[in-house]
N, C-alpha and C. Protein backbone atom coordinates (compact mmCIF):
# COMPACT_ATOMS: atom_id res chain seq x y z
N UNK A 1 0.85 -1.19 0.00
CA UNK A 1 0.00 0.00 0.00
C UNK A 1 0.89 1.25 0.00
N UNK A 2 0.67 2.13 -0.98
CA UNK A 2 1.46 3.34 -1.10
C UNK A 2 0.73 4.49 -0.42
N UNK A 3 1.32 5.02 0.63
CA UNK A 3 0.73 6.17 1.31
C UNK A 3 1.09 7.46 0.60
N UNK A 4 0.08 8.24 0.24
CA UNK A 4 0.27 9.48 -0.52
C UNK A 4 -0.21 10.66 0.30
N UNK A 5 0.60 11.71 0.36
CA UNK A 5 0.22 12.94 1.04
C UNK A 5 -0.09 14.00 0.01
N UNK A 6 -1.18 14.76 0.22
CA UNK A 6 -1.62 15.79 -0.71
C UNK A 6 -1.44 17.17 -0.09
N UNK A 7 -0.70 18.04 -0.74
CA UNK A 7 -0.51 19.40 -0.24
C UNK A 7 -0.85 20.39 -1.34
N UNK A 8 -1.98 21.05 -1.19
CA UNK A 8 -2.45 22.01 -2.18
C UNK A 8 -3.47 22.90 -1.50
N UNK A 9 -3.45 24.21 -1.78
CA UNK A 9 -4.39 25.10 -1.13
C UNK A 9 -5.78 25.05 -1.74
N UNK A 10 -5.96 24.33 -2.83
CA UNK A 10 -7.25 24.19 -3.49
C UNK A 10 -7.94 22.93 -2.95
N UNK A 11 -8.95 23.12 -2.10
CA UNK A 11 -9.62 21.98 -1.47
C UNK A 11 -10.30 21.09 -2.51
N UNK A 12 -10.86 21.70 -3.55
CA UNK A 12 -11.52 20.91 -4.59
C UNK A 12 -10.52 20.02 -5.31
N UNK A 13 -9.33 20.55 -5.54
CA UNK A 13 -8.28 19.76 -6.19
C UNK A 13 -7.89 18.57 -5.30
N UNK A 14 -7.72 18.82 -4.00
CA UNK A 14 -7.38 17.74 -3.08
C UNK A 14 -8.49 16.69 -3.05
N UNK A 15 -9.73 17.13 -3.12
CA UNK A 15 -10.85 16.20 -3.07
C UNK A 15 -10.82 15.26 -4.26
N UNK A 16 -10.51 15.80 -5.44
CA UNK A 16 -10.43 14.96 -6.65
C UNK A 16 -9.33 13.92 -6.50
N UNK A 17 -8.16 14.34 -6.03
CA UNK A 17 -7.05 13.41 -5.86
C UNK A 17 -7.33 12.40 -4.75
N UNK A 18 -8.01 12.86 -3.68
CA UNK A 18 -8.35 11.96 -2.59
C UNK A 18 -9.23 10.82 -3.10
N UNK A 19 -10.21 11.14 -3.89
CA UNK A 19 -11.09 10.11 -4.44
C UNK A 19 -10.30 9.17 -5.36
N UNK A 20 -9.41 9.73 -6.15
CA UNK A 20 -8.63 8.91 -7.07
C UNK A 20 -7.82 7.87 -6.31
N UNK A 21 -7.09 8.29 -5.28
CA UNK A 21 -6.23 7.34 -4.56
C UNK A 21 -7.03 6.40 -3.68
N UNK A 22 -8.07 6.91 -3.03
CA UNK A 22 -8.84 6.05 -2.14
C UNK A 22 -9.62 4.98 -2.91
N UNK A 23 -9.92 5.25 -4.17
CA UNK A 23 -10.68 4.29 -4.96
C UNK A 23 -9.79 3.36 -5.80
N UNK A 24 -8.48 3.53 -5.69
CA UNK A 24 -7.56 2.72 -6.48
C UNK A 24 -6.81 1.76 -5.58
N UNK A 25 -6.87 0.49 -5.90
CA UNK A 25 -6.21 -0.53 -5.09
C UNK A 25 -4.71 -0.27 -5.02
N UNK A 26 -4.15 -0.42 -3.85
CA UNK A 26 -2.71 -0.24 -3.67
C UNK A 26 -2.31 1.15 -3.22
N UNK A 27 -3.29 2.06 -3.10
CA UNK A 27 -3.01 3.43 -2.67
C UNK A 27 -3.89 3.79 -1.47
N UNK A 28 -3.40 4.74 -0.68
CA UNK A 28 -4.21 5.34 0.36
C UNK A 28 -3.74 6.77 0.57
N UNK A 29 -4.64 7.66 0.94
CA UNK A 29 -4.26 9.03 1.26
C UNK A 29 -3.84 9.07 2.72
N UNK A 30 -2.57 9.37 2.95
CA UNK A 30 -2.03 9.36 4.31
C UNK A 30 -2.32 10.66 5.06
N UNK A 31 -2.59 11.74 4.32
CA UNK A 31 -2.86 13.02 4.96
C UNK A 31 -2.95 14.13 3.94
N UNK A 32 -3.36 15.31 4.41
CA UNK A 32 -3.53 16.47 3.52
C UNK A 32 -3.11 17.73 4.24
N UNK A 33 -2.75 18.74 3.43
CA UNK A 33 -2.44 20.06 3.98
C UNK A 33 -2.77 21.11 2.93
N UNK A 34 -3.08 22.33 3.41
CA UNK A 34 -3.42 23.42 2.51
C UNK A 34 -2.32 24.46 2.41
N UNK A 35 -1.22 24.28 3.16
CA UNK A 35 -0.12 25.23 3.07
C UNK A 35 1.19 24.51 3.39
N UNK A 36 2.30 25.21 3.13
CA UNK A 36 3.61 24.61 3.28
C UNK A 36 3.95 24.17 4.69
N UNK A 37 3.82 25.04 5.70
CA UNK A 37 4.17 24.64 7.07
C UNK A 37 3.40 23.43 7.57
N UNK A 38 2.09 23.39 7.30
CA UNK A 38 1.31 22.23 7.72
C UNK A 38 1.77 20.98 6.98
N UNK A 39 2.12 21.13 5.71
CA UNK A 39 2.60 19.98 4.94
C UNK A 39 3.86 19.40 5.58
N UNK A 40 4.80 20.27 5.93
CA UNK A 40 6.05 19.80 6.54
C UNK A 40 5.76 19.11 7.87
N UNK A 41 4.94 19.72 8.71
CA UNK A 41 4.65 19.17 10.03
C UNK A 41 3.98 17.80 9.92
N UNK A 42 3.00 17.69 9.04
CA UNK A 42 2.25 16.44 8.94
C UNK A 42 3.05 15.34 8.25
N UNK A 43 3.82 15.70 7.25
CA UNK A 43 4.64 14.68 6.59
C UNK A 43 5.67 14.13 7.57
N UNK A 44 6.25 14.97 8.39
CA UNK A 44 7.20 14.50 9.40
C UNK A 44 6.53 13.53 10.37
N UNK A 45 5.28 13.80 10.70
CA UNK A 45 4.57 12.94 11.65
C UNK A 45 4.06 11.66 11.01
N UNK A 46 3.57 11.76 9.77
CA UNK A 46 2.91 10.63 9.12
C UNK A 46 3.86 9.79 8.28
N UNK A 47 4.94 10.39 7.79
CA UNK A 47 5.95 9.71 6.99
C UNK A 47 5.35 8.91 5.83
N UNK A 48 4.59 9.57 4.95
CA UNK A 48 4.04 8.88 3.78
C UNK A 48 5.16 8.52 2.80
N UNK A 49 4.86 7.62 1.89
CA UNK A 49 5.87 7.21 0.90
C UNK A 49 6.12 8.32 -0.12
N UNK A 50 5.05 8.98 -0.56
CA UNK A 50 5.14 9.99 -1.61
C UNK A 50 4.29 11.20 -1.23
N UNK A 51 4.83 12.40 -1.44
CA UNK A 51 4.06 13.62 -1.22
C UNK A 51 3.90 14.36 -2.53
N UNK A 52 2.68 14.77 -2.82
CA UNK A 52 2.40 15.62 -3.97
C UNK A 52 2.26 17.04 -3.46
N UNK A 53 3.16 17.93 -3.89
CA UNK A 53 3.20 19.28 -3.36
C UNK A 53 2.98 20.32 -4.45
N UNK A 54 2.00 21.18 -4.24
CA UNK A 54 1.84 22.34 -5.11
C UNK A 54 3.02 23.28 -4.86
N UNK A 55 3.64 23.78 -5.92
CA UNK A 55 4.82 24.62 -5.72
C UNK A 55 4.47 26.03 -5.28
N UNK A 56 3.20 26.41 -5.36
CA UNK A 56 2.80 27.75 -4.95
C UNK A 56 1.65 27.65 -3.97
N UNK A 57 1.99 27.73 -2.67
CA UNK A 57 0.99 27.65 -1.62
C UNK A 57 1.21 28.80 -0.63
N UNK A 58 0.15 29.22 0.06
CA UNK A 58 0.32 30.28 1.06
C UNK A 58 1.07 29.77 2.29
N UNK A 59 1.58 30.69 3.08
CA UNK A 59 2.23 30.33 4.33
C UNK A 59 3.55 29.61 4.15
N UNK A 60 4.27 29.94 3.11
CA UNK A 60 5.50 29.21 2.80
C UNK A 60 5.23 28.35 1.58
N UNK A 61 5.92 28.63 0.50
CA UNK A 61 5.57 27.95 -0.75
C UNK A 61 5.98 26.48 -0.75
N UNK A 62 5.55 25.78 -1.79
CA UNK A 62 5.80 24.36 -1.89
C UNK A 62 7.27 24.01 -2.01
N UNK A 63 8.08 24.90 -2.55
CA UNK A 63 9.51 24.62 -2.67
C UNK A 63 10.17 24.59 -1.30
N UNK A 64 9.79 25.52 -0.41
CA UNK A 64 10.33 25.49 0.94
C UNK A 64 9.87 24.22 1.65
N UNK A 65 8.63 23.82 1.43
CA UNK A 65 8.13 22.59 2.03
C UNK A 65 8.87 21.38 1.48
N UNK A 66 9.09 21.38 0.16
CA UNK A 66 9.81 20.27 -0.46
C UNK A 66 11.21 20.14 0.13
N UNK A 67 11.89 21.27 0.30
CA UNK A 67 13.26 21.24 0.85
C UNK A 67 13.27 20.64 2.24
N UNK A 68 12.32 21.05 3.09
CA UNK A 68 12.27 20.54 4.45
C UNK A 68 11.92 19.05 4.48
N UNK A 69 10.99 18.65 3.63
CA UNK A 69 10.58 17.24 3.61
C UNK A 69 11.69 16.36 3.07
N UNK A 70 12.34 16.80 2.00
CA UNK A 70 13.40 15.99 1.41
C UNK A 70 14.61 15.88 2.33
N UNK A 71 14.81 16.87 3.18
CA UNK A 71 15.92 16.81 4.13
C UNK A 71 15.73 15.68 5.14
N UNK A 72 14.48 15.29 5.36
CA UNK A 72 14.20 14.19 6.29
C UNK A 72 14.57 12.85 5.69
N UNK A 73 14.46 12.75 4.36
CA UNK A 73 14.87 11.54 3.66
C UNK A 73 13.90 10.38 3.69
N UNK A 74 12.71 10.56 4.24
CA UNK A 74 11.77 9.45 4.37
C UNK A 74 10.67 9.45 3.30
N UNK A 75 10.45 10.59 2.66
CA UNK A 75 9.34 10.75 1.73
C UNK A 75 9.84 11.29 0.40
N UNK A 76 9.44 10.66 -0.68
CA UNK A 76 9.77 11.18 -2.01
C UNK A 76 8.74 12.24 -2.41
N UNK A 77 9.16 13.20 -3.20
CA UNK A 77 8.32 14.34 -3.53
C UNK A 77 8.10 14.46 -5.03
N UNK A 78 6.84 14.67 -5.41
CA UNK A 78 6.47 15.06 -6.77
C UNK A 78 5.86 16.45 -6.66
N UNK A 79 6.36 17.40 -7.43
CA UNK A 79 5.80 18.74 -7.37
C UNK A 79 4.69 18.88 -8.41
N UNK A 80 3.69 19.65 -8.04
CA UNK A 80 2.55 19.93 -8.91
C UNK A 80 2.66 21.35 -9.42
N UNK A 81 2.38 21.54 -10.69
CA UNK A 81 2.47 22.88 -11.27
C UNK A 81 1.45 23.03 -12.39
N UNK A 82 1.04 24.26 -12.62
CA UNK A 82 0.14 24.54 -13.74
C UNK A 82 0.91 24.90 -14.99
N UNK A 83 2.23 25.03 -14.87
CA UNK A 83 3.06 25.44 -16.00
C UNK A 83 4.09 24.38 -16.32
N UNK A 84 4.26 24.08 -17.57
CA UNK A 84 5.23 23.09 -18.01
C UNK A 84 6.62 23.71 -18.10
N UNK A 85 7.60 23.03 -17.56
CA UNK A 85 9.01 23.42 -17.70
C UNK A 85 9.29 24.83 -17.18
N UNK A 86 8.79 25.15 -16.01
CA UNK A 86 9.07 26.46 -15.46
C UNK A 86 10.21 26.38 -14.44
N UNK A 87 10.65 27.52 -13.96
CA UNK A 87 11.79 27.57 -13.06
C UNK A 87 11.51 26.85 -11.75
N UNK A 88 10.25 26.84 -11.32
CA UNK A 88 9.91 26.14 -10.09
C UNK A 88 10.27 24.66 -10.18
N UNK A 89 10.00 24.06 -11.34
CA UNK A 89 10.28 22.64 -11.51
C UNK A 89 11.78 22.39 -11.39
N UNK A 90 12.59 23.21 -12.05
CA UNK A 90 14.04 23.01 -11.97
C UNK A 90 14.53 23.15 -10.53
N UNK A 91 14.04 24.16 -9.84
CA UNK A 91 14.47 24.36 -8.45
C UNK A 91 14.07 23.17 -7.58
N UNK A 92 12.89 22.62 -7.82
CA UNK A 92 12.45 21.46 -7.05
C UNK A 92 13.34 20.25 -7.33
N UNK A 93 13.70 20.05 -8.59
CA UNK A 93 14.59 18.94 -8.93
C UNK A 93 15.95 19.13 -8.27
N UNK A 94 16.43 20.36 -8.24
CA UNK A 94 17.72 20.62 -7.61
C UNK A 94 17.69 20.29 -6.11
N UNK A 95 16.53 20.43 -5.51
CA UNK A 95 16.38 20.11 -4.09
C UNK A 95 16.27 18.61 -3.85
N UNK A 96 15.98 17.85 -4.91
CA UNK A 96 15.87 16.40 -4.77
C UNK A 96 14.51 15.83 -5.06
N UNK A 97 13.57 16.65 -5.56
CA UNK A 97 12.26 16.12 -5.94
C UNK A 97 12.42 15.10 -7.05
N UNK A 98 11.50 14.15 -7.10
CA UNK A 98 11.62 13.05 -8.05
C UNK A 98 10.93 13.31 -9.38
N UNK A 99 10.31 14.47 -9.52
CA UNK A 99 9.66 14.79 -10.79
C UNK A 99 8.54 15.78 -10.59
N UNK A 100 7.77 15.98 -11.64
CA UNK A 100 6.66 16.91 -11.53
C UNK A 100 5.48 16.41 -12.34
N UNK A 101 4.31 16.88 -11.96
CA UNK A 101 3.08 16.60 -12.69
C UNK A 101 2.36 17.91 -12.95
N UNK A 102 1.82 18.05 -14.16
CA UNK A 102 0.92 19.17 -14.41
C UNK A 102 -0.40 18.90 -13.70
N UNK A 103 -1.03 19.94 -13.22
CA UNK A 103 -2.23 19.75 -12.42
C UNK A 103 -3.43 19.29 -13.23
N UNK A 104 -3.30 19.31 -14.56
CA UNK A 104 -4.37 18.77 -15.40
C UNK A 104 -4.03 17.38 -15.93
N UNK A 105 -3.06 16.71 -15.29
CA UNK A 105 -2.66 15.38 -15.74
C UNK A 105 -3.83 14.40 -15.61
N UNK A 106 -3.89 13.44 -16.52
CA UNK A 106 -4.93 12.43 -16.49
C UNK A 106 -4.74 11.53 -15.27
N UNK A 107 -5.83 10.99 -14.73
CA UNK A 107 -5.72 10.12 -13.55
C UNK A 107 -4.72 8.97 -13.73
N UNK A 108 -4.73 8.35 -14.89
CA UNK A 108 -3.79 7.24 -15.12
C UNK A 108 -2.35 7.70 -15.05
N UNK A 109 -2.09 8.92 -15.52
CA UNK A 109 -0.74 9.46 -15.47
C UNK A 109 -0.31 9.74 -14.03
N UNK A 110 -1.23 10.23 -13.24
CA UNK A 110 -0.93 10.51 -11.83
C UNK A 110 -0.59 9.21 -11.10
N UNK A 111 -1.39 8.19 -11.29
CA UNK A 111 -1.14 6.90 -10.63
C UNK A 111 0.18 6.31 -11.08
N UNK A 112 0.45 6.39 -12.37
CA UNK A 112 1.71 5.85 -12.90
C UNK A 112 2.91 6.60 -12.31
N UNK A 113 2.77 7.91 -12.19
CA UNK A 113 3.87 8.71 -11.64
C UNK A 113 4.15 8.35 -10.20
N UNK A 114 3.12 8.22 -9.39
CA UNK A 114 3.31 7.91 -7.98
C UNK A 114 3.92 6.52 -7.82
N UNK A 115 3.44 5.57 -8.62
CA UNK A 115 4.03 4.22 -8.55
C UNK A 115 5.51 4.26 -8.91
N UNK A 116 5.83 4.98 -9.98
CA UNK A 116 7.22 5.04 -10.44
C UNK A 116 8.13 5.67 -9.39
N UNK A 117 7.69 6.77 -8.82
CA UNK A 117 8.50 7.46 -7.80
C UNK A 117 8.63 6.60 -6.56
N UNK A 118 7.56 5.94 -6.17
CA UNK A 118 7.62 5.02 -5.02
C UNK A 118 8.65 3.92 -5.25
N UNK A 119 8.79 3.50 -6.51
CA UNK A 119 9.74 2.43 -6.84
C UNK A 119 11.16 2.95 -7.07
N UNK A 120 11.37 4.25 -6.86
CA UNK A 120 12.71 4.80 -6.94
C UNK A 120 13.09 5.42 -8.27
N UNK A 121 12.12 5.64 -9.14
CA UNK A 121 12.40 6.22 -10.45
C UNK A 121 12.05 7.71 -10.46
N UNK A 122 12.64 8.44 -11.40
CA UNK A 122 12.30 9.85 -11.59
C UNK A 122 11.21 9.97 -12.65
N UNK A 123 10.37 10.97 -12.49
CA UNK A 123 9.27 11.16 -13.43
C UNK A 123 9.57 12.30 -14.39
N UNK A 124 10.66 12.17 -15.13
CA UNK A 124 11.00 13.12 -16.18
C UNK A 124 11.69 12.37 -17.30
N UNK A 125 11.23 12.58 -18.51
CA UNK A 125 11.91 11.99 -19.65
C UNK A 125 13.29 12.63 -19.80
N UNK A 126 14.28 11.89 -20.31
CA UNK A 126 15.63 12.45 -20.44
C UNK A 126 15.69 13.76 -21.19
N UNK A 127 14.91 13.87 -22.28
CA UNK A 127 14.97 15.10 -23.06
C UNK A 127 14.37 16.28 -22.31
N UNK A 128 13.38 16.01 -21.44
CA UNK A 128 12.80 17.07 -20.63
C UNK A 128 13.82 17.56 -19.60
N UNK A 129 14.54 16.61 -18.99
CA UNK A 129 15.59 16.98 -18.04
C UNK A 129 16.62 17.89 -18.69
N UNK A 130 17.05 17.50 -19.90
CA UNK A 130 18.07 18.29 -20.59
C UNK A 130 17.58 19.70 -20.88
N UNK A 131 16.33 19.85 -21.29
CA UNK A 131 15.78 21.17 -21.57
C UNK A 131 15.72 22.01 -20.30
N UNK A 132 15.35 21.39 -19.20
CA UNK A 132 15.27 22.12 -17.94
C UNK A 132 16.64 22.63 -17.50
N UNK A 133 17.65 21.75 -17.53
CA UNK A 133 18.95 22.19 -17.03
C UNK A 133 19.57 23.23 -17.95
N UNK A 134 19.33 23.12 -19.25
CA UNK A 134 19.88 24.13 -20.17
C UNK A 134 19.25 25.49 -19.91
N UNK A 135 17.97 25.48 -19.58
CA UNK A 135 17.25 26.74 -19.44
C UNK A 135 17.48 27.41 -18.09
N UNK A 136 17.59 26.60 -17.03
CA UNK A 136 17.55 27.18 -15.69
C UNK A 136 18.77 26.93 -14.83
N UNK A 137 19.67 26.04 -15.22
CA UNK A 137 20.82 25.76 -14.38
C UNK A 137 21.70 27.00 -14.27
N UNK A 138 22.31 27.22 -13.10
CA UNK A 138 23.23 28.36 -12.95
C UNK A 138 24.50 28.12 -13.75
N UNK A 139 25.34 29.13 -13.92
CA UNK A 139 26.59 28.94 -14.66
C UNK A 139 27.41 27.79 -14.09
N UNK A 140 28.04 27.04 -14.96
CA UNK A 140 28.81 25.88 -14.53
C UNK A 140 29.92 26.31 -13.59
N UNK A 141 30.19 25.46 -12.61
CA UNK A 141 31.26 25.75 -11.65
C UNK A 141 32.09 24.48 -11.47
N UNK A 142 33.31 24.66 -11.02
CA UNK A 142 34.17 23.51 -10.81
C UNK A 142 33.59 22.61 -9.72
N UNK A 143 33.75 21.31 -9.89
CA UNK A 143 33.25 20.36 -8.92
C UNK A 143 34.25 19.23 -8.83
N UNK A 144 34.67 18.84 -7.64
CA UNK A 144 35.74 17.86 -7.51
C UNK A 144 35.44 16.51 -8.12
N UNK A 145 34.16 16.11 -8.23
CA UNK A 145 33.90 14.77 -8.75
C UNK A 145 34.32 14.65 -10.21
N UNK A 146 34.40 15.78 -10.91
CA UNK A 146 34.74 15.74 -12.33
C UNK A 146 36.12 15.14 -12.58
N UNK A 147 37.00 15.24 -11.61
CA UNK A 147 38.36 14.74 -11.81
C UNK A 147 38.79 13.70 -10.78
N UNK A 148 38.07 13.59 -9.67
CA UNK A 148 38.56 12.72 -8.61
C UNK A 148 37.64 11.56 -8.26
N UNK A 149 36.37 11.61 -8.63
CA UNK A 149 35.44 10.58 -8.20
C UNK A 149 35.02 9.67 -9.35
N UNK A 150 34.68 10.25 -10.48
CA UNK A 150 34.22 9.47 -11.62
C UNK A 150 35.36 9.08 -12.54
N UNK A 151 35.25 7.88 -13.10
CA UNK A 151 36.23 7.44 -14.09
C UNK A 151 35.98 8.16 -15.40
N UNK A 152 36.92 8.02 -16.32
CA UNK A 152 36.77 8.66 -17.63
C UNK A 152 35.50 8.18 -18.32
N UNK A 153 35.23 6.89 -18.27
CA UNK A 153 34.02 6.36 -18.91
C UNK A 153 32.77 6.86 -18.20
N UNK A 154 32.81 6.93 -16.89
CA UNK A 154 31.65 7.44 -16.16
C UNK A 154 31.38 8.90 -16.50
N UNK A 155 32.44 9.68 -16.67
CA UNK A 155 32.27 11.07 -17.08
C UNK A 155 31.61 11.15 -18.44
N UNK A 156 31.98 10.26 -19.35
CA UNK A 156 31.37 10.24 -20.67
C UNK A 156 29.87 9.94 -20.56
N UNK A 157 29.53 8.95 -19.74
CA UNK A 157 28.13 8.60 -19.56
C UNK A 157 27.36 9.76 -18.93
N UNK A 158 27.95 10.37 -17.89
CA UNK A 158 27.29 11.50 -17.22
C UNK A 158 27.05 12.64 -18.18
N UNK A 159 28.02 12.92 -19.05
CA UNK A 159 27.88 14.00 -20.01
C UNK A 159 26.71 13.73 -20.97
N UNK A 160 26.57 12.47 -21.40
CA UNK A 160 25.49 12.13 -22.32
C UNK A 160 24.13 12.15 -21.62
N UNK A 161 24.10 11.78 -20.35
CA UNK A 161 22.87 11.91 -19.57
C UNK A 161 22.45 13.37 -19.51
N UNK A 162 23.39 14.26 -19.25
CA UNK A 162 23.10 15.69 -19.17
C UNK A 162 22.64 16.27 -20.50
N UNK A 163 23.08 15.66 -21.60
CA UNK A 163 22.64 16.10 -22.92
C UNK A 163 21.24 15.61 -23.27
N UNK A 164 20.69 14.70 -22.45
CA UNK A 164 19.32 14.24 -22.67
C UNK A 164 19.18 12.93 -23.39
N UNK A 165 20.28 12.17 -23.53
CA UNK A 165 20.21 10.90 -24.21
C UNK A 165 19.61 9.84 -23.28
N UNK A 166 18.85 8.93 -23.86
CA UNK A 166 18.30 7.81 -23.11
C UNK A 166 19.39 6.77 -22.87
N UNK A 167 19.11 5.79 -22.03
CA UNK A 167 20.09 4.74 -21.78
C UNK A 167 20.47 4.01 -23.06
N UNK A 168 19.49 3.73 -23.92
CA UNK A 168 19.79 3.03 -25.17
C UNK A 168 20.63 3.90 -26.10
N UNK A 169 20.33 5.17 -26.16
CA UNK A 169 21.12 6.08 -27.00
C UNK A 169 22.56 6.19 -26.49
N UNK A 170 22.74 6.19 -25.17
CA UNK A 170 24.09 6.22 -24.61
C UNK A 170 24.83 4.95 -24.98
N UNK A 171 24.15 3.81 -24.87
CA UNK A 171 24.77 2.54 -25.24
C UNK A 171 25.22 2.56 -26.69
N UNK A 172 24.37 3.08 -27.57
CA UNK A 172 24.72 3.14 -29.00
C UNK A 172 25.89 4.10 -29.23
N UNK A 173 25.85 5.24 -28.56
CA UNK A 173 26.89 6.26 -28.75
C UNK A 173 28.26 5.75 -28.31
N UNK A 174 28.31 5.04 -27.19
CA UNK A 174 29.58 4.58 -26.63
C UNK A 174 29.90 3.13 -26.99
N UNK A 175 29.02 2.51 -27.76
CA UNK A 175 29.19 1.11 -28.17
C UNK A 175 29.31 0.19 -26.96
N UNK A 176 28.34 0.36 -26.06
CA UNK A 176 28.26 -0.46 -24.86
C UNK A 176 26.93 -1.21 -24.87
N UNK A 177 26.84 -2.23 -24.05
CA UNK A 177 25.55 -2.89 -23.88
C UNK A 177 24.66 -2.03 -22.99
N UNK A 178 23.35 -2.24 -23.09
CA UNK A 178 22.41 -1.47 -22.27
C UNK A 178 22.64 -1.77 -20.79
N UNK A 179 22.94 -3.01 -20.46
CA UNK A 179 23.17 -3.37 -19.07
C UNK A 179 24.44 -2.71 -18.52
N UNK A 180 25.45 -2.56 -19.38
CA UNK A 180 26.68 -1.88 -18.95
C UNK A 180 26.40 -0.42 -18.62
N UNK A 181 25.59 0.23 -19.43
CA UNK A 181 25.21 1.62 -19.15
C UNK A 181 24.48 1.69 -17.82
N UNK A 182 23.56 0.78 -17.58
CA UNK A 182 22.83 0.77 -16.31
C UNK A 182 23.77 0.56 -15.14
N UNK A 183 24.78 -0.29 -15.33
CA UNK A 183 25.76 -0.52 -14.27
C UNK A 183 26.54 0.75 -13.96
N UNK A 184 26.97 1.46 -15.01
CA UNK A 184 27.67 2.73 -14.81
C UNK A 184 26.79 3.72 -14.05
N UNK A 185 25.53 3.78 -14.42
CA UNK A 185 24.62 4.71 -13.76
C UNK A 185 24.47 4.36 -12.28
N UNK A 186 24.29 3.08 -11.97
CA UNK A 186 24.15 2.69 -10.56
C UNK A 186 25.40 3.07 -9.76
N UNK A 187 26.57 2.86 -10.36
CA UNK A 187 27.81 3.22 -9.67
C UNK A 187 27.89 4.72 -9.42
N UNK A 188 27.52 5.50 -10.43
CA UNK A 188 27.58 6.95 -10.27
C UNK A 188 26.58 7.44 -9.23
N UNK A 189 25.38 6.86 -9.21
CA UNK A 189 24.40 7.25 -8.20
C UNK A 189 25.00 7.06 -6.81
N UNK A 190 25.64 5.91 -6.60
CA UNK A 190 26.22 5.61 -5.29
C UNK A 190 27.37 6.57 -4.96
N UNK A 191 28.24 6.85 -5.94
CA UNK A 191 29.39 7.71 -5.70
C UNK A 191 28.97 9.15 -5.40
N UNK A 192 27.94 9.61 -6.09
CA UNK A 192 27.56 11.02 -6.01
C UNK A 192 26.42 11.28 -5.03
N UNK A 193 25.82 10.23 -4.50
CA UNK A 193 24.73 10.42 -3.56
C UNK A 193 23.46 10.93 -4.19
N UNK A 194 23.19 10.54 -5.45
CA UNK A 194 21.95 10.91 -6.10
C UNK A 194 21.09 9.67 -6.27
N UNK A 195 19.80 9.88 -6.52
CA UNK A 195 18.86 8.75 -6.58
C UNK A 195 18.51 8.31 -7.98
N UNK A 196 18.74 9.17 -8.98
CA UNK A 196 18.29 8.83 -10.32
C UNK A 196 19.02 9.67 -11.35
N UNK A 197 18.76 9.37 -12.63
CA UNK A 197 19.49 10.02 -13.72
C UNK A 197 19.09 11.50 -13.85
N UNK A 198 17.90 11.86 -13.41
CA UNK A 198 17.51 13.27 -13.45
C UNK A 198 18.44 14.12 -12.59
N UNK A 199 18.69 13.67 -11.36
CA UNK A 199 19.56 14.43 -10.47
C UNK A 199 21.02 14.34 -10.89
N UNK A 200 21.39 13.22 -11.53
CA UNK A 200 22.73 13.14 -12.11
C UNK A 200 22.89 14.18 -13.20
N UNK A 201 21.87 14.36 -14.04
CA UNK A 201 21.95 15.35 -15.12
C UNK A 201 22.08 16.76 -14.57
N UNK A 202 21.31 17.07 -13.53
CA UNK A 202 21.40 18.40 -12.92
C UNK A 202 22.80 18.65 -12.37
N UNK A 203 23.32 17.67 -11.63
CA UNK A 203 24.64 17.82 -11.03
C UNK A 203 25.73 17.92 -12.10
N UNK A 204 25.62 17.10 -13.14
CA UNK A 204 26.62 17.12 -14.21
C UNK A 204 26.64 18.47 -14.92
N UNK A 205 25.48 19.02 -15.17
CA UNK A 205 25.40 20.31 -15.84
C UNK A 205 25.98 21.41 -14.96
N UNK A 206 25.59 21.40 -13.68
CA UNK A 206 26.07 22.44 -12.78
C UNK A 206 27.58 22.34 -12.55
N UNK A 207 28.14 21.13 -12.72
CA UNK A 207 29.58 20.96 -12.55
C UNK A 207 30.37 21.24 -13.81
N UNK A 208 29.66 21.57 -14.89
CA UNK A 208 30.35 21.94 -16.12
C UNK A 208 30.79 20.79 -17.00
N UNK A 209 30.23 19.60 -16.81
CA UNK A 209 30.67 18.46 -17.61
C UNK A 209 30.38 18.64 -19.10
N UNK A 210 29.36 19.38 -19.42
CA UNK A 210 29.04 19.59 -20.83
C UNK A 210 30.11 20.40 -21.53
N UNK A 211 30.92 21.10 -20.75
CA UNK A 211 31.98 21.93 -21.33
C UNK A 211 33.36 21.33 -21.14
N UNK A 212 33.38 20.10 -20.57
CA UNK A 212 34.65 19.45 -20.29
C UNK A 212 34.98 18.48 -21.42
N UNK A 213 36.00 18.69 -22.22
CA UNK A 213 36.27 17.84 -23.35
C UNK A 213 36.87 16.51 -22.99
N UNK A 214 37.18 16.30 -21.72
CA UNK A 214 37.82 15.05 -21.31
C UNK A 214 37.01 13.85 -21.72
């Protein structure tokens, strides 16, 4: 059973999502909040598996709530937004959110996203990640992992992830098997303390790997 927390100042919106999860086998609504501070307090107490957070809420926005919740490490976060590919989404990903959903997403898409995030996956296509980091990432800065933590091959894989290539495209580009690419990704996640390829792409871009010819 996947416990889902709903944080949105629109009660009607929460009601729709509450019905969706309560009527779908394998899900339950663990709690609700209408503002950021209440969301943080209740998530800390209830420790749901996944929290859906509106990025714009009164009393402290959803990004501040996401940062506080993600710092606890017990709950994965999906941010909700009415705008596709906006700066809020990039900032949420930088904080460690596992993806985003548009607030007009179809019910099946919402359920699929929560299941995927619960299972440890990010809810962003590789090309979407690349567009976000190109548009909103701060100027590249030096980062020690570029020369001391990752191997030359891992740097190549990280660079292609940041460019928006899928695992299969990376395998084709580097003439590797798909399983080898997955192995490299798992190793990099462990070395860098990230959970998925979305956060690897953000970190790689911010560290300047796209500009590193190595």
